[in-house]
């Protein structure tokens, strides 16, 4: 007996997905995304340090801009 008849086609899977209740569709979609974008189970300290270093300058600039805007907002509130 061949198992090729048992295996669903992509079209069959999409049709069955369409029949699911909305909540179950969301759960299936979330699981697919979780698996597709899963992080490795072990995080390498050197890799993490490199990532932090890569974005440190951009984060610092955003923080400085945010502080400047906050200060401007305080000044404008005081003058009102």
Protein backbone atom coordinates (compact mmCIF):
# COMPACT_ATOMS: atom_id res chain seq x y z
CA UNK A 1 0.00 0.00 0.00
CA UNK A 2 1.39 3.40 -0.98
CA UNK A 3 1.48 6.24 1.52
CA UNK A 4 1.36 8.90 -1.20
CA UNK A 5 -2.44 8.83 -1.07
CA UNK A 6 -2.37 9.63 2.65
CA UNK A 7 -0.18 12.74 2.35
CA UNK A 8 -2.23 15.91 1.91
CA UNK A 9 -1.42 18.31 -0.88
CA UNK A 10 -0.80 21.98 -0.27
CA UNK A 11 -4.22 22.72 -1.72
CA UNK A 12 -5.84 20.27 0.72
CA UNK A 13 -4.05 21.92 3.63
CA UNK A 14 -5.14 25.39 2.53
CA UNK A 15 -8.73 24.24 2.14
CA UNK A 16 -8.74 22.68 5.61
CA UNK A 17 -7.12 25.82 7.04
CA UNK A 18 -9.94 27.92 5.57
CA UNK A 19 -12.46 25.74 7.43
CA UNK A 20 -10.92 26.38 10.84
CA UNK A 21 -12.52 28.84 13.27
CA UNK A 22 -10.75 32.23 13.36
CA UNK A 23 -9.11 31.59 16.74
CA UNK A 24 -7.59 28.31 15.53
CA UNK A 25 -6.37 30.02 12.35
CA UNK A 26 -4.56 32.56 14.50
CA UNK A 27 -3.02 29.80 16.63
CA UNK A 28 -1.80 27.91 13.55
CA UNK A 29 -0.39 31.09 12.02
CA UNK A 30 1.35 31.99 15.28
CA UNK A 31 2.94 28.54 15.48
CA UNK A 32 4.16 28.76 11.88
CA UNK A 33 5.72 32.16 12.58
CA UNK A 34 7.23 30.93 15.86
CA UNK A 35 8.92 28.04 14.06
CA UNK A 36 10.05 30.11 11.10
CA UNK A 37 11.66 32.82 13.23
CA UNK A 38 12.76 30.68 16.19
CA UNK A 39 15.96 31.65 17.91
CA UNK A 40 18.61 29.01 18.46
CA UNK A 41 18.27 27.27 21.79
CA UNK A 42 21.74 28.36 22.88
CA UNK A 43 22.71 32.00 22.65
CA UNK A 44 26.38 32.65 22.15
CA UNK A 45 27.68 35.46 24.38
CA UNK A 46 30.05 36.67 21.66
CA UNK A 47 27.20 36.86 19.14
CA UNK A 48 25.06 38.81 21.61
CA UNK A 49 27.91 41.22 22.30
CA UNK A 50 28.39 41.77 18.57
CA UNK A 51 24.69 42.48 18.11
CA UNK A 52 24.63 44.94 21.00
CA UNK A 53 27.72 46.68 19.62
CA UNK A 54 26.20 46.84 16.15
CA UNK A 55 23.15 48.74 17.38
CA UNK A 56 24.71 50.67 20.27
CA UNK A 57 25.42 53.83 18.27
CA UNK A 58 21.92 53.95 16.77
CA UNK A 59 20.38 53.37 20.21
CA UNK A 60 22.51 56.14 21.73
CA UNK A 61 21.43 58.61 19.01
CA UNK A 62 17.76 57.72 19.48
CA UNK A 63 18.08 58.15 23.24
CA UNK A 64 19.73 61.56 22.83
CA UNK A 65 17.03 62.68 20.41
CA UNK A 66 14.38 61.47 22.82
CA UNK A 67 15.91 63.38 25.73
CA UNK A 68 16.13 66.55 23.62
CA UNK A 69 12.46 66.26 22.61
CA UNK A 70 11.49 65.59 26.22
CA UNK A 71 13.37 68.69 27.36
CA UNK A 72 11.70 70.81 24.67
CA UNK A 73 8.33 69.50 25.77
CA UNK A 74 9.02 70.45 29.39
CA UNK A 75 10.08 73.95 28.37
CA UNK A 76 6.95 74.44 26.26
CA UNK A 77 4.76 73.22 29.14
CA UNK A 78 6.45 75.68 31.50
CA UNK A 79 5.83 78.61 29.15
CA UNK A 80 2.14 77.84 28.71
